[in-house]
PDB file of N, CA and C in Angstrom:
ATOM      1  N   UNK A   1       0.840  -1.182   0.000  1.00  0.00           N
ATOM      2  CA  UNK A   1       0.000   0.000   0.000  1.00  0.00           C
ATOM      3  C   UNK A   1       0.887   1.248   0.000  1.00  0.00           C
ATOM      4  N   UNK A   2       0.545   2.212  -0.824  1.00  0.00           N
ATOM      5  CA  UNK A   2       1.289   3.458  -0.923  1.00  0.00           C
ATOM      6  C   UNK A   2       0.722   4.495   0.042  1.00  0.00           C
ATOM      7  N   UNK A   3       1.603   5.175   0.755  1.00  0.00           N
ATOM      8  CA  UNK A   3       1.187   6.223   1.691  1.00  0.00           C
ATOM      9  C   UNK A   3       1.491   7.578   1.044  1.00  0.00           C
ATOM     10  N   UNK A   4       0.471   8.481   0.928  1.00  0.00           N
ATOM     11  CA  UNK A   4       0.719   9.787   0.298  1.00  0.00           C
ATOM     12  C   UNK A   4       1.639  10.671   1.140  1.00  0.00           C
ATOM     13  N   UNK A   5       2.416  11.464   0.455  1.00  0.00           N
ATOM     14  CA  UNK A   5       3.304  12.424   1.089  1.00  0.00           C
ATOM     15  C   UNK A   5       2.473  13.597   1.619  1.00  0.00           C
ATOM     16  N   UNK A   6       2.823  14.127   2.789  1.00  0.00           N
ATOM     17  CA  UNK A   6       2.076  15.249   3.380  1.00  0.00           C
ATOM     18  C   UNK A   6       2.070  16.494   2.501  1.00  0.00           C
ATOM     19  N   UNK A   7       3.065  16.641   1.640  1.00  0.00           N
ATOM     20  CA  UNK A   7       3.159  17.847   0.829  1.00  0.00           C
ATOM     21  C   UNK A   7       2.520  17.703  -0.542  1.00  0.00           C
ATOM     22  N   UNK A   8       1.849  16.583  -0.790  1.00  0.00           N
ATOM     23  CA  UNK A   8       1.148  16.409  -2.063  1.00  0.00           C
ATOM     24  C   UNK A   8      -0.292  16.896  -1.919  1.00  0.00           C
ATOM     25  N   UNK A   9      -0.934  17.317  -3.023  1.00  0.00           N
ATOM     26  CA  UNK A   9      -2.325  17.785  -2.949  1.00  0.00           C
ATOM     27  C   UNK A   9      -3.252  16.722  -2.360  1.00  0.00           C
ATOM     28  N   UNK A  10      -4.295  17.198  -1.699  1.00  0.00           N
ATOM     29  CA  UNK A  10      -5.264  16.298  -1.096  1.00  0.00           C
ATOM     30  C   UNK A  10      -6.679  16.767  -1.358  1.00  0.00           C
ATOM     31  N   UNK A  11      -7.625  16.094  -0.746  1.00  0.00           N
ATOM     32  CA  UNK A  11      -9.032  16.427  -0.918  1.00  0.00           C
ATOM     33  C   UNK A  11      -9.758  16.149   0.386  1.00  0.00           C
ATOM     34  N   UNK A  12     -10.612  17.098   0.773  1.00  0.00           N
ATOM     35  CA  UNK A  12     -11.510  16.924   1.919  1.00  0.00           C
ATOM     36  C   UNK A  12     -12.906  17.128   1.366  1.00  0.00           C
ATOM     37  N   UNK A  13     -13.626  16.055   1.163  1.00  0.00           N
ATOM     38  CA  UNK A  13     -14.933  16.155   0.505  1.00  0.00           C
ATOM     39  C   UNK A  13     -14.755  16.759  -0.873  1.00  0.00           C
ATOM     40  N   UNK A  14     -15.419  17.875  -1.151  1.00  0.00           N
ATOM     41  CA  UNK A  14     -15.308  18.545  -2.437  1.00  0.00           C
ATOM     42  C   UNK A  14     -14.223  19.615  -2.483  1.00  0.00           C
ATOM     43  N   UNK A  15     -13.461  19.765  -1.403  1.00  0.00           N
ATOM     44  CA  UNK A  15     -12.432  20.802  -1.322  1.00  0.00           C
ATOM     45  C   UNK A  15     -11.073  20.235  -1.702  1.00  0.00           C
ATOM     46  N   UNK A  16     -10.471  20.793  -2.748  1.00  0.00           N
ATOM     47  CA  UNK A  16      -9.107  20.427  -3.144  1.00  0.00           C
ATOM     48  C   UNK A  16      -8.134  21.222  -2.282  1.00  0.00           C
ATOM     49  N   UNK A  17      -7.162  20.549  -1.685  1.00  0.00           N
ATOM     50  CA  UNK A  17      -6.191  21.222  -0.825  1.00  0.00           C
ATOM     51  C   UNK A  17      -4.795  21.175  -1.458  1.00  0.00           C
ATOM     52  N   UNK A  18      -3.962  22.200  -1.196  1.00  0.00           N
ATOM     53  CA  UNK A  18      -2.628  22.230  -1.791  1.00  0.00           C
ATOM     54  C   UNK A  18      -1.693  21.178  -1.200  1.00  0.00           C
ATOM     55  N   UNK A  19      -2.022  20.701   0.002  1.00  0.00           N
ATOM     56  CA  UNK A  19      -1.230  19.672   0.666  1.00  0.00           C
ATOM     57  C   UNK A  19      -2.122  18.965   1.681  1.00  0.00           C
ATOM     58  N   UNK A  20      -1.539  18.119   2.488  1.00  0.00           N
ATOM     59  CA  UNK A  20      -2.319  17.341   3.458  1.00  0.00           C
ATOM     60  C   UNK A  20      -2.081  17.803   4.890  1.00  0.00           C
ATOM     61  N   UNK A  21      -1.633  19.036   5.032  1.00  0.00           N
ATOM     62  CA  UNK A  21      -1.385  19.604   6.357  1.00  0.00           C
ATOM     63  C   UNK A  21      -2.632  20.323   6.848  1.00  0.00           C
ATOM     64  N   UNK A  22      -2.866  20.281   8.163  1.00  0.00           N
ATOM     65  CA  UNK A  22      -4.000  20.995   8.743  1.00  0.00           C
ATOM     66  C   UNK A  22      -3.573  21.603  10.072  1.00  0.00           C
ATOM     67  N   UNK A  23      -3.873  22.879  10.222  1.00  0.00           N
ATOM     68  CA  UNK A  23      -3.597  23.560  11.487  1.00  0.00           C
ATOM     69  C   UNK A  23      -4.835  23.397  12.370  1.00  0.00           C
ATOM     70  N   UNK A  24      -4.643  22.785  13.506  1.00  0.00           N
ATOM     71  CA  UNK A  24      -5.755  22.524  14.417  1.00  0.00           C
ATOM     72  C   UNK A  24      -6.247  23.810  15.076  1.00  0.00           C
ATOM     73  N   UNK A  25      -7.513  23.833  15.515  1.00  0.00           N
ATOM     74  CA  UNK A  25      -8.017  25.033  16.185  1.00  0.00           C
ATOM     75  C   UNK A  25      -7.325  25.245  17.526  1.00  0.00           C
ATOM     76  N   UNK A  26      -7.012  26.490  17.801  1.00  0.00           N
ATOM     77  CA  UNK A  26      -6.385  26.869  19.068  1.00  0.00           C
ATOM     78  C   UNK A  26      -7.065  28.145  19.545  1.00  0.00           C
ATOM     79  N   UNK A  27      -7.187  28.300  20.818  1.00  0.00           N
ATOM     80  CA  UNK A  27      -7.748  29.540  21.346  1.00  0.00           C
ATOM     81  C   UNK A  27      -6.599  30.479  21.621  1.00  0.00           C
ATOM     82  N   UNK A  28      -6.452  31.497  20.791  1.00  0.00           N
ATOM     83  CA  UNK A  28      -5.345  32.439  20.883  1.00  0.00           C
ATOM     84  C   UNK A  28      -5.732  33.687  21.664  1.00  0.00           C
ATOM     85  N   UNK A  29      -7.001  33.819  22.011  1.00  0.00           N
ATOM     86  CA  UNK A  29      -7.499  34.972  22.771  1.00  0.00           C
ATOM     87  C   UNK A  29      -7.159  36.292  22.087  1.00  0.00           C
ATOM     88  N   UNK A  30      -7.332  36.342  20.782  1.00  0.00           N
ATOM     89  CA  UNK A  30      -7.016  37.551  20.028  1.00  0.00           C
ATOM     90  C   UNK A  30      -8.267  38.265  19.534  1.00  0.00           C
ATOM     91  N   UNK A  31      -9.401  37.958  20.129  1.00  0.00           N
ATOM     92  CA  UNK A  31     -10.645  38.608  19.738  1.00  0.00           C
ATOM     93  C   UNK A  31     -10.870  39.858  20.583  1.00  0.00           C
ATOM     94  N   UNK A  32     -11.637  40.775  20.022  1.00  0.00           N
ATOM     95  CA  UNK A  32     -12.026  41.985  20.745  1.00  0.00           C
ATOM     96  C   UNK A  32     -13.239  41.670  21.604  1.00  0.00           C
ATOM     97  N   UNK A  33     -13.692  42.638  22.360  1.00  0.00           N
ATOM     98  CA  UNK A  33     -14.907  42.466  23.158  1.00  0.00           C
ATOM     99  C   UNK A  33     -16.042  42.049  22.237  1.00  0.00           C
ATOM    100  N   UNK A  34     -16.837  41.108  22.677  1.00  0.00           N
ATOM    101  CA  UNK A  34     -17.933  40.621  21.854  1.00  0.00           C
ATOM    102  C   UNK A  34     -17.515  39.487  20.933  1.00  0.00           C
ATOM    103  N   UNK A  35     -16.236  39.073  20.972  1.00  0.00           N
ATOM    104  CA  UNK A  35     -15.779  37.954  20.169  1.00  0.00           C
ATOM    105  C   UNK A  35     -15.425  38.289  18.731  1.00  0.00           C
ATOM    106  N   UNK A  36     -15.383  39.559  18.389  1.00  0.00           N
ATOM    107  CA  UNK A  36     -15.050  39.982  17.024  1.00  0.00           C
ATOM    108  C   UNK A  36     -13.543  39.837  16.824  1.00  0.00           C
ATOM    109  N   UNK A  37     -13.099  39.244  15.711  1.00  0.00           N
ATOM    110  CA  UNK A  37     -11.662  39.093  15.473  1.00  0.00           C
ATOM    111  C   UNK A  37     -10.955  40.449  15.404  1.00  0.00           C
ATOM    112  N   UNK A  38      -9.809  40.534  16.053  1.00  0.00           N
ATOM    113  CA  UNK A  38      -9.016  41.764  16.043  1.00  0.00           C
ATOM    114  C   UNK A  38      -8.126  41.794  14.801  1.00  0.00           C
ATOM    115  N   UNK A  39      -7.495  42.925  14.555  1.00  0.00           N
ATOM    116  CA  UNK A  39      -6.540  43.018  13.442  1.00  0.00           C
ATOM    117  C   UNK A  39      -5.403  42.015  13.651  1.00  0.00           C
ATOM    118  N   UNK A  40      -5.012  41.794  14.905  1.00  0.00           N
ATOM    119  CA  UNK A  40      -3.960  40.833  15.209  1.00  0.00           C
ATOM    120  C   UNK A  40      -4.385  39.410  14.817  1.00  0.00           C
ATOM    121  N   UNK A  41      -5.650  39.061  15.083  1.00  0.00           N
ATOM    122  CA  UNK A  41      -6.156  37.740  14.706  1.00  0.00           C
ATOM    123  C   UNK A  41      -6.176  37.587  13.188  1.00  0.00           C
ATOM    124  N   UNK A  42      -6.598  38.630  12.493  1.00  0.00           N
ATOM    125  CA  UNK A  42      -6.637  38.592  11.028  1.00  0.00           C
ATOM    126  C   UNK A  42      -5.225  38.401  10.479  1.00  0.00           C
ATOM    127  N   UNK A  43      -4.272  39.134  11.019  1.00  0.00           N
ATOM    128  CA  UNK A  43      -2.874  39.010  10.586  1.00  0.00           C
ATOM    129  C   UNK A  43      -2.339  37.600  10.875  1.00  0.00           C
ATOM    130  N   UNK A  44      -2.669  37.065  12.050  1.00  0.00           N
ATOM    131  CA  UNK A  44      -2.223  35.730  12.465  1.00  0.00           C
ATOM    132  C   UNK A  44      -2.655  34.673  11.447  1.00  0.00           C
ATOM    133  N   UNK A  45      -3.925  34.683  11.078  1.00  0.00           N
ATOM    134  CA  UNK A  45      -4.422  33.682  10.128  1.00  0.00           C
ATOM    135  C   UNK A  45      -3.955  33.956   8.703  1.00  0.00           C
ATOM    136  N   UNK A  46      -3.820  35.213   8.326  1.00  0.00           N
ATOM    137  CA  UNK A  46      -3.324  35.552   6.992  1.00  0.00           C
ATOM    138  C   UNK A  46      -1.896  35.045   6.805  1.00  0.00           C
ATOM    139  N   UNK A  47      -1.079  35.143   7.855  1.00  0.00           N
ATOM    140  CA  UNK A  47       0.303  34.676   7.786  1.00  0.00           C
ATOM    141  C   UNK A  47       0.375  33.168   7.574  1.00  0.00           C
ATOM    142  N   UNK A  48      -0.629  32.446   8.008  1.00  0.00           N
ATOM    143  CA  UNK A  48      -0.621  30.991   7.940  1.00  0.00           C
ATOM    144  C   UNK A  48      -1.488  30.420   6.823  1.00  0.00           C
ATOM    145  N   UNK A  49      -2.178  31.274   6.113  1.00  0.00           N
ATOM    146  CA  UNK A  49      -3.171  30.833   5.125  1.00  0.00           C
ATOM    147  C   UNK A  49      -2.602  29.967   4.011  1.00  0.00           C
ATOM    148  N   UNK A  50      -1.363  30.165   3.635  1.00  0.00           N
ATOM    149  CA  UNK A  50      -0.807  29.383   2.531  1.00  0.00           C
ATOM    150  C   UNK A  50      -0.243  28.039   2.988  1.00  0.00           C
ATOM    151  N   UNK A  51      -0.211  27.785   4.280  1.00  0.00           N
ATOM    152  CA  UNK A  51       0.386  26.555   4.799  1.00  0.00           C
ATOM    153  C   UNK A  51      -0.463  25.317   4.540  1.00  0.00           C
ATOM    154  N   UNK A  52      -1.764  25.471   4.483  1.00  0.00           N
ATOM    155  CA  UNK A  52      -2.663  24.335   4.330  1.00  0.00           C
ATOM    156  C   UNK A  52      -4.037  24.714   4.847  1.00  0.00           C
ATOM    157  N   UNK A  53      -4.803  23.723   5.270  1.00  0.00           N
ATOM    158  CA  UNK A  53      -6.151  23.958   5.791  1.00  0.00           C
ATOM    159  C   UNK A  53      -6.037  24.468   7.225  1.00  0.00           C
ATOM    160  N   UNK A  54      -6.794  25.511   7.539  1.00  0.00           N
ATOM    161  CA  UNK A  54      -6.794  26.062   8.890  1.00  0.00           C
ATOM    162  C   UNK A  54      -8.188  25.936   9.477  1.00  0.00           C
ATOM    163  N   UNK A  55      -8.273  25.333  10.650  1.00  0.00           N
ATOM    164  CA  UNK A  55      -9.518  25.306  11.405  1.00  0.00           C
ATOM    165  C   UNK A  55      -9.376  26.389  12.462  1.00  0.00           C
ATOM    166  N   UNK A  56     -10.133  27.487  12.315  1.00  0.00           N
ATOM    167  CA  UNK A  56      -9.943  28.633  13.199  1.00  0.00           C
ATOM    168  C   UNK A  56     -10.334  28.319  14.636  1.00  0.00           C
ATOM    169  N   UNK A  57      -9.948  29.216  15.526  1.00  0.00           N
ATOM    170  CA  UNK A  57     -10.150  28.977  16.949  1.00  0.00           C
ATOM    171  C   UNK A  57     -11.617  28.851  17.331  1.00  0.00           C
ATOM    172  N   UNK A  58     -11.830  28.155  18.416  1.00  0.00           N
ATOM    173  CA  UNK A  58     -13.176  27.949  18.898  1.00  0.00           C
ATOM    174  C   UNK A  58     -13.760  29.189  19.537  1.00  0.00           C
ATOM    175  N   UNK A  59     -15.066  29.237  19.590  1.00  0.00           N
ATOM    176  CA  UNK A  59     -15.766  30.314  20.274  1.00  0.00           C
ATOM    177  C   UNK A  59     -16.741  29.698  21.263  1.00  0.00           C
ATOM    178  N   UNK A  60     -17.047  30.423  22.311  1.00  0.00           N
ATOM    179  CA  UNK A  60     -18.010  29.955  23.298  1.00  0.00           C
ATOM    180  C   UNK A  60     -19.383  30.532  22.955  1.00  0.00           C
ATOM    181  N   UNK A  61     -20.419  29.706  22.916  1.00  0.00           N
ATOM    182  CA  UNK A  61     -21.749  30.226  22.619  1.00  0.00           C
ATOM    183  C   UNK A  61     -22.314  31.083  23.738  1.00  0.00           C
ATOM    184  N   UNK A  62     -21.692  31.019  24.919  1.00  0.00           N
ATOM    185  CA  UNK A  62     -22.150  31.775  26.067  1.00  0.00           C
ATOM    186  C   UNK A  62     -20.933  32.149  26.913  1.00  0.00           C
ATOM    187  N   UNK A  63     -20.914  33.340  27.467  1.00  0.00           N
ATOM    188  CA  UNK A  63     -19.777  33.790  28.274  1.00  0.00           C
ATOM    189  C   UNK A  63     -19.523  32.892  29.475  1.00  0.00           C
ATOM    190  N   UNK A  64     -20.539  32.205  29.955  1.00  0.00           N
ATOM    191  CA  UNK A  64     -20.383  31.299  31.093  1.00  0.00           C
ATOM    192  C   UNK A  64     -19.421  30.159  30.739  1.00  0.00           C
ATOM    193  N   UNK A  65     -19.371  29.794  29.442  1.00  0.00           N
ATOM    194  CA  UNK A  65     -18.507  28.714  29.014  1.00  0.00           C
ATOM    195  C   UNK A  65     -17.058  29.088  28.823  1.00  0.00           C
ATOM    196  N   UNK A  66     -16.719  30.344  28.986  1.00  0.00           N
ATOM    197  CA  UNK A  66     -15.339  30.788  28.821  1.00  0.00           C
ATOM    198  C   UNK A  66     -14.532  30.526  30.080  1.00  0.00           C
ATOM    199  N   UNK A  67     -13.277  30.168  29.893  1.00  0.00           N
ATOM    200  CA  UNK A  67     -12.392  29.990  31.027  1.00  0.00           C
ATOM    201  C   UNK A  67     -11.666  31.281  31.364  1.00  0.00           C
ATOM    202  N   UNK A  68     -12.000  32.340  30.680  1.00  0.00           N
ATOM    203  CA  UNK A  68     -11.374  33.637  30.880  1.00  0.00           C
ATOM    204  C   UNK A  68     -12.424  34.697  30.599  1.00  0.00           C
ATOM    205  N   UNK A  69     -12.198  35.903  31.039  1.00  0.00           N
ATOM    206  CA  UNK A  69     -13.251  36.909  30.968  1.00  0.00           C
ATOM    207  C   UNK A  69     -13.046  37.982  29.901  1.00  0.00           C
ATOM    208  N   UNK A  70     -12.063  37.832  28.991  1.00  0.00           N
ATOM    209  CA  UNK A  70     -11.802  38.880  28.010  1.00  0.00           C
ATOM    210  C   UNK A  70     -12.938  39.052  26.996  1.00  0.00           C
ATOM    211  N   UNK A  71     -13.698  38.003  26.758  1.00  0.00           N
ATOM    212  CA  UNK A  71     -14.752  38.045  25.750  1.00  0.00           C
ATOM    213  C   UNK A  71     -16.108  37.965  26.446  1.00  0.00           C
ATOM    214  N   UNK A  72     -16.986  38.891  26.094  1.00  0.00           N
ATOM    215  CA  UNK A  72     -18.311  38.905  26.717  1.00  0.00           C
ATOM    216  C   UNK A  72     -19.269  37.957  26.010  1.00  0.00           C
ATOM    217  N   UNK A  73     -19.339  38.059  24.670  1.00  0.00           N
ATOM    218  CA  UNK A  73     -20.263  37.228  23.904  1.00  0.00           C
ATOM    219  C   UNK A  73     -19.728  37.106  22.480  1.00  0.00           C
ATOM    220  N   UNK A  74     -19.597  35.887  21.975  1.00  0.00           N
ATOM    221  CA  UNK A  74     -19.114  35.723  20.608  1.00  0.00           C
ATOM    222  C   UNK A  74     -20.012  36.412  19.585  1.00  0.00           C
ATOM    223  N   UNK A  75     -19.417  36.961  18.568  1.00  0.00           N
ATOM    224  CA  UNK A  75     -20.152  37.641  17.504  1.00  0.00           C
ATOM    225  C   UNK A  75     -19.870  36.951  16.178  1.00  0.00           C
ATOM    226  N   UNK A  76     -20.759  36.068  15.717  1.00  0.00           N
ATOM    227  CA  UNK A  76     -20.512  35.352  14.461  1.00  0.00           C
ATOM    228  C   UNK A  76     -20.285  36.262  13.264  1.00  0.00           C
ATOM    229  N   UNK A  77     -20.890  37.465  13.250  1.00  0.00           N
ATOM    230  CA  UNK A  77     -20.717  38.376  12.115  1.00  0.00           C
ATOM    231  C   UNK A  77     -19.251  38.751  11.927  1.00  0.00           C
ATOM    232  N   UNK A  78     -18.495  38.849  12.990  1.00  0.00           N
ATOM    233  CA  UNK A  78     -17.092  39.212  12.893  1.00  0.00           C
ATOM    234  C   UNK A  78     -16.243  38.160  12.195  1.00  0.00           C
ATOM    235  N   UNK A  79     -16.734  36.920  12.155  1.00  0.00           N
ATOM    236  CA  UNK A  79     -15.969  35.821  11.532  1.00  0.00           C
ATOM    237  C   UNK A  79     -16.358  35.609  10.087  1.00  0.00           C
ATOM    238  N   UNK A  80     -17.282  36.376   9.561  1.00  0.00           N
ATOM    239  CA  UNK A  80     -17.703  36.181   8.169  1.00  0.00           C
ATOM    240  C   UNK A  80     -16.815  36.928   7.221  1.00  0.00           C
TER     241      UNK A  80
END
């Protein structure tokens, strides 16, 4: 059986990927109040965008679920 190289193109469902690398979601705490991505968060993901597939950081649907108090309430509009 042949094993594909990580740097060869891949496919996830209907999405063609440039390679088989994936950056896992991490909570970087770079959002502004209300969960809106900051300029720093935008720069962070832009710098990594060519590396492969990126699963962006998680958000809490309610402030009670946060382990920290920097974010009051996630704002899905900021991630669009």
